[in-house]
PDB file of all heavy atoms in Angstrom:
ATOM      1  N   ALA A   1      63.345  21.882-145.925  1.00  0.00           N
ATOM      2  CA  ALA A   1      62.141  21.079-146.092  1.00  0.00           C
ATOM      3  C   ALA A   1      61.245  21.158-144.872  1.00  0.00           C
ATOM      4  O   ALA A   1      61.721  21.276-143.741  1.00  0.00           O
ATOM      5  CB  ALA A   1      62.523  19.625-146.353  1.00  0.00           C
ATOM      6  N   GLU A   2      59.952  21.070-145.140  1.00  0.00           N
ATOM      7  CA  GLU A   2      58.977  20.997-144.060  1.00  0.00           C
ATOM      8  C   GLU A   2      58.804  19.530-143.659  1.00  0.00           C
ATOM      9  O   GLU A   2      58.722  18.647-144.514  1.00  0.00           O
ATOM     10  CB  GLU A   2      57.634  21.563-144.511  1.00  0.00           C
ATOM     11  CG  GLU A   2      56.626  21.610-143.390  1.00  0.00           C
ATOM     12  CD  GLU A   2      55.352  22.357-143.754  1.00  0.00           C
ATOM     13  OE1 GLU A   2      55.289  22.970-144.835  1.00  0.00           O
ATOM     14  OE2 GLU A   2      54.423  22.307-142.935  1.00  0.00           O
ATOM     15  N   VAL A   3      58.785  19.294-142.366  1.00  0.00           N
ATOM     16  CA  VAL A   3      58.528  17.948-141.859  1.00  0.00           C
ATOM     17  C   VAL A   3      57.016  17.731-141.933  1.00  0.00           C
ATOM     18  O   VAL A   3      56.244  18.450-141.309  1.00  0.00           O
ATOM     19  CB  VAL A   3      59.037  17.782-140.412  1.00  0.00           C
ATOM     20  CG1 VAL A   3      58.621  16.426-139.850  1.00  0.00           C
ATOM     21  CG2 VAL A   3      60.543  17.958-140.355  1.00  0.00           C
ATOM     22  N   VAL A   4      56.613  16.728-142.723  1.00  0.00           N
ATOM     23  CA  VAL A   4      55.182  16.473-142.914  1.00  0.00           C
ATOM     24  C   VAL A   4      54.710  15.226-142.176  1.00  0.00           C
ATOM     25  O   VAL A   4      53.516  14.950-142.123  1.00  0.00           O
ATOM     26  CB  VAL A   4      54.829  16.382-144.417  1.00  0.00           C
ATOM     27  CG1 VAL A   4      55.058  17.729-145.106  1.00  0.00           C
ATOM     28  CG2 VAL A   4      55.612  15.276-145.121  1.00  0.00           C
ATOM     29  N   GLY A   5      55.659  14.482-141.590  1.00  0.00           N
ATOM     30  CA  GLY A   5      55.290  13.299-140.830  1.00  0.00           C
ATOM     31  C   GLY A   5      56.501  12.711-140.130  1.00  0.00           C
ATOM     32  O   GLY A   5      57.627  12.868-140.594  1.00  0.00           O
ATOM     33  N   VAL A   6      56.257  12.063-139.012  1.00  0.00           N
ATOM     34  CA  VAL A   6      57.310  11.370-138.268  1.00  0.00           C
ATOM     35  C   VAL A   6      56.766  10.011-137.855  1.00  0.00           C
ATOM     36  O   VAL A   6      55.661   9.915-137.310  1.00  0.00           O
ATOM     37  CB  VAL A   6      57.748  12.161-137.010  1.00  0.00           C
ATOM     38  CG1 VAL A   6      58.765  11.368-136.200  1.00  0.00           C
ATOM     39  CG2 VAL A   6      58.303  13.533-137.393  1.00  0.00           C
ATOM     40  N   LEU A   7      57.546   8.964-138.133  1.00  0.00           N
ATOM     41  CA  LEU A   7      57.203   7.614-137.705  1.00  0.00           C
ATOM     42  C   LEU A   7      58.246   7.163-136.693  1.00  0.00           C
ATOM     43  O   LEU A   7      59.444   7.406-136.888  1.00  0.00           O
ATOM     44  CB  LEU A   7      57.193   6.657-138.903  1.00  0.00           C
ATOM     45  CG  LEU A   7      56.176   6.970-140.000  1.00  0.00           C
ATOM     46  CD1 LEU A   7      56.417   6.089-141.216  1.00  0.00           C
ATOM     47  CD2 LEU A   7      54.772   6.787-139.475  1.00  0.00           C
ATOM     48  N   VAL A   8      57.794   6.517-135.607  1.00  0.00           N
ATOM     49  CA  VAL A   8      58.714   6.003-134.590  1.00  0.00           C
ATOM     50  C   VAL A   8      58.397   4.540-134.321  1.00  0.00           C
ATOM     51  O   VAL A   8      57.245   4.116-134.396  1.00  0.00           O
ATOM     52  CB  VAL A   8      58.641   6.816-133.270  1.00  0.00           C
ATOM     53  CG1 VAL A   8      59.065   8.265-133.504  1.00  0.00           C
ATOM     54  CG2 VAL A   8      57.264   6.765-132.648  1.00  0.00           C
ATOM     55  N   SER A   9      59.431   3.784-134.002  1.00  0.00           N
ATOM     56  CA  SER A   9      59.262   2.358-133.716  1.00  0.00           C
ATOM     57  C   SER A   9      58.563   2.158-132.381  1.00  0.00           C
ATOM     58  O   SER A   9      59.005   2.683-131.355  1.00  0.00           O
ATOM     59  CB  SER A   9      60.625   1.666-133.688  1.00  0.00           C
ATOM     60  OG  SER A   9      61.213   1.723-134.962  1.00  0.00           O
ATOM     61  N   GLU A  10      57.504   1.378-132.407  1.00  0.00           N
ATOM     62  CA  GLU A  10      56.706   1.127-131.199  1.00  0.00           C
ATOM     63  C   GLU A  10      57.511   0.483-130.076  1.00  0.00           C
ATOM     64  O   GLU A  10      57.203   0.684-128.901  1.00  0.00           O
ATOM     65  CB  GLU A  10      55.506   0.233-131.541  1.00  0.00           C
ATOM     66  CG  GLU A  10      54.439   0.961-132.315  1.00  0.00           C
ATOM     67  CD  GLU A  10      53.216   0.084-132.536  1.00  0.00           C
ATOM     68  OE1 GLU A  10      52.619  -0.360-131.534  1.00  0.00           O
ATOM     69  OE2 GLU A  10      52.877  -0.150-133.715  1.00  0.00           O
ATOM     70  N   GLU A  11      58.552  -0.270-130.416  1.00  0.00           N
ATOM     71  CA  GLU A  11      59.324  -0.975-129.385  1.00  0.00           C
ATOM     72  C   GLU A  11      59.997  -0.026-128.394  1.00  0.00           C
ATOM     73  O   GLU A  11      60.394  -0.453-127.308  1.00  0.00           O
ATOM     74  CB  GLU A  11      60.360  -1.900-130.009  1.00  0.00           C
ATOM     75  CG  GLU A  11      61.503  -1.185-130.714  1.00  0.00           C
ATOM     76  CD  GLU A  11      62.452  -2.149-131.394  1.00  0.00           C
ATOM     77  OE1 GLU A  11      63.327  -2.711-130.708  1.00  0.00           O
ATOM     78  OE2 GLU A  11      62.292  -2.345-132.611  1.00  0.00           O
ATOM     79  N   TYR A  12      60.121   1.246-128.743  1.00  0.00           N
ATOM     80  CA  TYR A  12      60.758   2.213-127.847  1.00  0.00           C
ATOM     81  C   TYR A  12      59.748   3.090-127.109  1.00  0.00           C
ATOM     82  O   TYR A  12      60.126   4.045-126.444  1.00  0.00           O
ATOM     83  CB  TYR A  12      61.753   3.083-128.621  1.00  0.00           C
ATOM     84  CG  TYR A  12      62.853   2.256-129.249  1.00  0.00           C
ATOM     85  CD1 TYR A  12      62.869   2.014-130.618  1.00  0.00           C
ATOM     86  CD2 TYR A  12      63.846   1.683-128.465  1.00  0.00           C
ATOM     87  CE1 TYR A  12      63.865   1.238-131.191  1.00  0.00           C
ATOM     88  CE2 TYR A  12      64.841   0.900-129.026  1.00  0.00           C
ATOM     89  CZ  TYR A  12      64.842   0.687-130.395  1.00  0.00           C
ATOM     90  OH  TYR A  12      65.827  -0.098-130.950  1.00  0.00           O
ATOM     91  N   MET A  13      58.476   2.736-127.205  1.00  0.00           N
ATOM     92  CA  MET A  13      57.424   3.482-126.505  1.00  0.00           C
ATOM     93  C   MET A  13      57.205   2.883-125.113  1.00  0.00           C
ATOM     94  O   MET A  13      57.213   1.671-124.948  1.00  0.00           O
ATOM     95  CB  MET A  13      56.106   3.427-127.291  1.00  0.00           C
ATOM     96  CG  MET A  13      56.143   4.087-128.654  1.00  0.00           C
ATOM     97  SD  MET A  13      56.468   5.852-128.628  1.00  0.00           S
ATOM     98  CE  MET A  13      55.016   6.449-127.798  1.00  0.00           C
ATOM     99  N   THR A  14      56.980   3.776-124.143  1.00  0.00           N
ATOM    100  CA  THR A  14      56.649   3.308-122.796  1.00  0.00           C
ATOM    101  C   THR A  14      55.138   3.137-122.687  1.00  0.00           C
ATOM    102  O   THR A  14      54.383   3.590-123.559  1.00  0.00           O
ATOM    103  CB  THR A  14      57.109   4.314-121.722  1.00  0.00           C
ATOM    104  OG1 THR A  14      56.340   5.518-121.877  1.00  0.00           O
ATOM    105  CG2 THR A  14      58.591   4.622-121.826  1.00  0.00           C
ATOM    106  N   ASP A  15      54.691   2.521-121.623  1.00  0.00           N
ATOM    107  CA  ASP A  15      53.258   2.353-121.392  1.00  0.00           C
ATOM    108  C   ASP A  15      52.552   3.695-121.252  1.00  0.00           C
ATOM    109  O   ASP A  15      51.370   3.815-121.558  1.00  0.00           O
ATOM    110  CB  ASP A  15      53.011   1.512-120.129  1.00  0.00           C
ATOM    111  CG  ASP A  15      53.428   0.061-120.333  1.00  0.00           C
ATOM    112  OD1 ASP A  15      53.520  -0.374-121.497  1.00  0.00           O
ATOM    113  OD2 ASP A  15      53.676  -0.625-119.318  1.00  0.00           O
ATOM    114  N   SER A  16      53.288   4.717-120.792  1.00  0.00           N
ATOM    115  CA  SER A  16      52.679   6.043-120.611  1.00  0.00           C
ATOM    116  C   SER A  16      52.719   6.889-121.883  1.00  0.00           C
ATOM    117  O   SER A  16      52.293   8.036-121.879  1.00  0.00           O
ATOM    118  CB  SER A  16      53.378   6.791-119.468  1.00  0.00           C
ATOM    119  OG  SER A  16      54.736   7.022-119.805  1.00  0.00           O
ATOM    120  N   GLY A  17      53.254   6.329-122.992  1.00  0.00           N
ATOM    121  CA  GLY A  17      53.245   7.038-124.263  1.00  0.00           C
ATOM    122  C   GLY A  17      54.478   7.882-124.541  1.00  0.00           C
ATOM    123  O   GLY A  17      54.484   8.689-125.463  1.00  0.00           O
ATOM    124  N   LYS A  18      55.538   7.706-123.768  1.00  0.00           N
ATOM    125  CA  LYS A  18      56.791   8.439-123.997  1.00  0.00           C
ATOM    126  C   LYS A  18      57.670   7.623-124.944  1.00  0.00           C
ATOM    127  O   LYS A  18      57.770   6.410-124.832  1.00  0.00           O
ATOM    128  CB  LYS A  18      57.526   8.667-122.676  1.00  0.00           C
ATOM    129  CG  LYS A  18      58.838   9.412-122.821  1.00  0.00           C
ATOM    130  CD  LYS A  18      59.545   9.549-121.465  1.00  0.00           C
ATOM    131  CE  LYS A  18      60.823  10.334-121.584  1.00  0.00           C
ATOM    132  NZ  LYS A  18      61.935   9.586-122.108  1.00  0.00           N
ATOM    133  N   PHE A  19      58.307   8.313-125.870  1.00  0.00           N
ATOM    134  CA  PHE A  19      59.234   7.660-126.787  1.00  0.00           C
ATOM    135  C   PHE A  19      60.637   7.759-126.195  1.00  0.00           C
ATOM    136  O   PHE A  19      61.138   8.851-125.940  1.00  0.00           O
ATOM    137  CB  PHE A  19      59.192   8.320-128.172  1.00  0.00           C
ATOM    138  CG  PHE A  19      60.079   7.648-129.181  1.00  0.00           C
ATOM    139  CD1 PHE A  19      59.788   6.381-129.644  1.00  0.00           C
ATOM    140  CD2 PHE A  19      61.204   8.285-129.665  1.00  0.00           C
ATOM    141  CE1 PHE A  19      60.596   5.746-130.575  1.00  0.00           C
ATOM    142  CE2 PHE A  19      62.022   7.671-130.608  1.00  0.00           C
ATOM    143  CZ  PHE A  19      61.716   6.397-131.059  1.00  0.00           C
ATOM    144  N   ASN A  20      61.279   6.613-125.954  1.00  0.00           N
ATOM    145  CA  ASN A  20      62.613   6.569-125.364  1.00  0.00           C
ATOM    146  C   ASN A  20      63.689   6.606-126.448  1.00  0.00           C
ATOM    147  O   ASN A  20      64.303   5.586-126.773  1.00  0.00           O
ATOM    148  CB  ASN A  20      62.784   5.322-124.498  1.00  0.00           C
ATOM    149  CG  ASN A  20      62.093   5.455-123.168  1.00  0.00           C
ATOM    150  OD1 ASN A  20      62.002   6.552-122.623  1.00  0.00           O
ATOM    151  ND2 ASN A  20      61.603   4.352-122.650  1.00  0.00           N
ATOM    152  N   LEU A  21      63.948   7.778-126.986  1.00  0.00           N
ATOM    153  CA  LEU A  21      64.933   7.952-128.043  1.00  0.00           C
ATOM    154  C   LEU A  21      66.320   7.491-127.587  1.00  0.00           C
ATOM    155  O   LEU A  21      67.071   6.903-128.354  1.00  0.00           O
ATOM    156  CB  LEU A  21      64.976   9.417-128.487  1.00  0.00           C
ATOM    157  CG  LEU A  21      65.863   9.743-129.678  1.00  0.00           C
ATOM    158  CD1 LEU A  21      65.400   8.999-130.921  1.00  0.00           C
ATOM    159  CD2 LEU A  21      65.876  11.242-129.933  1.00  0.00           C
ATOM    160  N   GLU A  22      66.635   7.724-126.301  1.00  0.00           N
ATOM    161  CA  GLU A  22      67.958   7.360-125.790  1.00  0.00           C
ATOM    162  C   GLU A  22      68.188   5.845-125.787  1.00  0.00           C
ATOM    163  O   GLU A  22      69.329   5.389-125.743  1.00  0.00           O
ATOM    164  CB  GLU A  22      68.193   7.938-124.387  1.00  0.00           C
ATOM    165  CG  GLU A  22      67.223   7.466-123.331  1.00  0.00           C
ATOM    166  CD  GLU A  22      65.898   8.229-123.259  1.00  0.00           C
ATOM    167  OE1 GLU A  22      65.631   9.111-124.104  1.00  0.00           O
ATOM    168  OE2 GLU A  22      65.118   7.912-122.354  1.00  0.00           O
ATOM    169  N   ASP A  23      67.152   5.056-125.887  1.00  0.00           N
ATOM    170  CA  ASP A  23      67.289   3.591-125.903  1.00  0.00           C
ATOM    171  C   ASP A  23      67.543   3.020-127.301  1.00  0.00           C
ATOM    172  O   ASP A  23      67.776   1.823-127.447  1.00  0.00           O
ATOM    173  CB  ASP A  23      66.028   2.930-125.330  1.00  0.00           C
ATOM    174  CG  ASP A  23      65.868   3.167-123.840  1.00  0.00           C
ATOM    175  OD1 ASP A  23      66.850   3.580-123.185  1.00  0.00           O
ATOM    176  OD2 ASP A  23      64.761   2.937-123.334  1.00  0.00           O
ATOM    177  N   THR A  24      67.504   3.858-128.316  1.00  0.00           N
ATOM    178  CA  THR A  24      67.625   3.378-129.692  1.00  0.00           C
ATOM    179  C   THR A  24      69.062   3.103-130.122  1.00  0.00           C
ATOM    180  O   THR A  24      69.283   2.451-131.130  1.00  0.00           O
ATOM    181  CB  THR A  24      66.990   4.373-130.685  1.00  0.00           C
ATOM    182  OG1 THR A  24      67.707   5.613-130.627  1.00  0.00           O
ATOM    183  CG2 THR A  24      65.518   4.590-130.392  1.00  0.00           C
ATOM    184  N   GLY A  25      70.048   3.624-129.386  1.00  0.00           N
ATOM    185  CA  GLY A  25      71.449   3.405-129.755  1.00  0.00           C
ATOM    186  C   GLY A  25      71.922   4.334-130.856  1.00  0.00           C
ATOM    187  O   GLY A  25      72.730   3.944-131.710  1.00  0.00           O
ATOM    188  N   LEU A  26      71.460   5.579-130.840  1.00  0.00           N
ATOM    189  CA  LEU A  26      71.841   6.541-131.873  1.00  0.00           C
ATOM    190  C   LEU A  26      73.349   6.766-131.922  1.00  0.00           C
ATOM    191  O   LEU A  26      74.039   6.657-130.908  1.00  0.00           O
ATOM    192  CB  LEU A  26      71.156   7.887-131.634  1.00  0.00           C
ATOM    193  CG  LEU A  26      69.646   7.929-131.805  1.00  0.00           C
ATOM    194  CD1 LEU A  26      69.128   9.326-131.503  1.00  0.00           C
ATOM    195  CD2 LEU A  26      69.234   7.498-133.198  1.00  0.00           C
ATOM    196  N   ILE A  27      73.822   7.103-133.110  1.00  0.00           N
ATOM    197  CA  ILE A  27      75.228   7.430-133.294  1.00  0.00           C
ATOM    198  C   ILE A  27      75.358   8.845-133.832  1.00  0.00           C
ATOM    199  O   ILE A  27      74.404   9.422-134.355  1.00  0.00           O
ATOM    200  CB  ILE A  27      75.938   6.449-134.247  1.00  0.00           C
ATOM    201  CG1 ILE A  27      75.291   6.498-135.636  1.00  0.00           C
ATOM    202  CG2 ILE A  27      75.950   5.043-133.688  1.00  0.00           C
ATOM    203  CD1 ILE A  27      76.180   6.015-136.747  1.00  0.00           C
ATOM    204  N   ALA A  28      76.559   9.375-133.705  1.00  0.00           N
ATOM    205  CA  ALA A  28      76.909  10.666-134.284  1.00  0.00           C
ATOM    206  C   ALA A  28      78.184  10.484-135.096  1.00  0.00           C
ATOM    207  O   ALA A  28      78.869   9.452-134.993  1.00  0.00           O
ATOM    208  CB  ALA A  28      77.123  11.697-133.176  1.00  0.00           C
ATOM    209  N   TYR A  29      78.507  11.486-135.895  1.00  0.00           N
ATOM    210  CA  TYR A  29      79.716  11.473-136.710  1.00  0.00           C
ATOM    211  C   TYR A  29      80.604  12.590-136.192  1.00  0.00           C
ATOM    212  O   TYR A  29      80.154  13.722-136.023  1.00  0.00           O
ATOM    213  CB  TYR A  29      79.335  11.708-138.172  1.00  0.00           C
ATOM    214  CG  TYR A  29      80.484  11.694-139.126  1.00  0.00           C
ATOM    215  CD1 TYR A  29      81.058  10.495-139.536  1.00  0.00           C
ATOM    216  CD2 TYR A  29      80.999  12.879-139.644  1.00  0.00           C
ATOM    217  CE1 TYR A  29      82.105  10.476-140.429  1.00  0.00           C
ATOM    218  CE2 TYR A  29      82.042  12.863-140.552  1.00  0.00           C
ATOM    219  CZ  TYR A  29      82.602  11.662-140.942  1.00  0.00           C
ATOM    220  OH  TYR A  29      83.645  11.645-141.823  1.00  0.00           O
TER     221      TYR A  29
END
């Protein structure tokens, strides 16, 4: 599939516009 859009939660954005993915608490299997 082609990625046609990505939405990210604003609460993980820094003032400089960086998305802090590592702060989201991601899990793996």
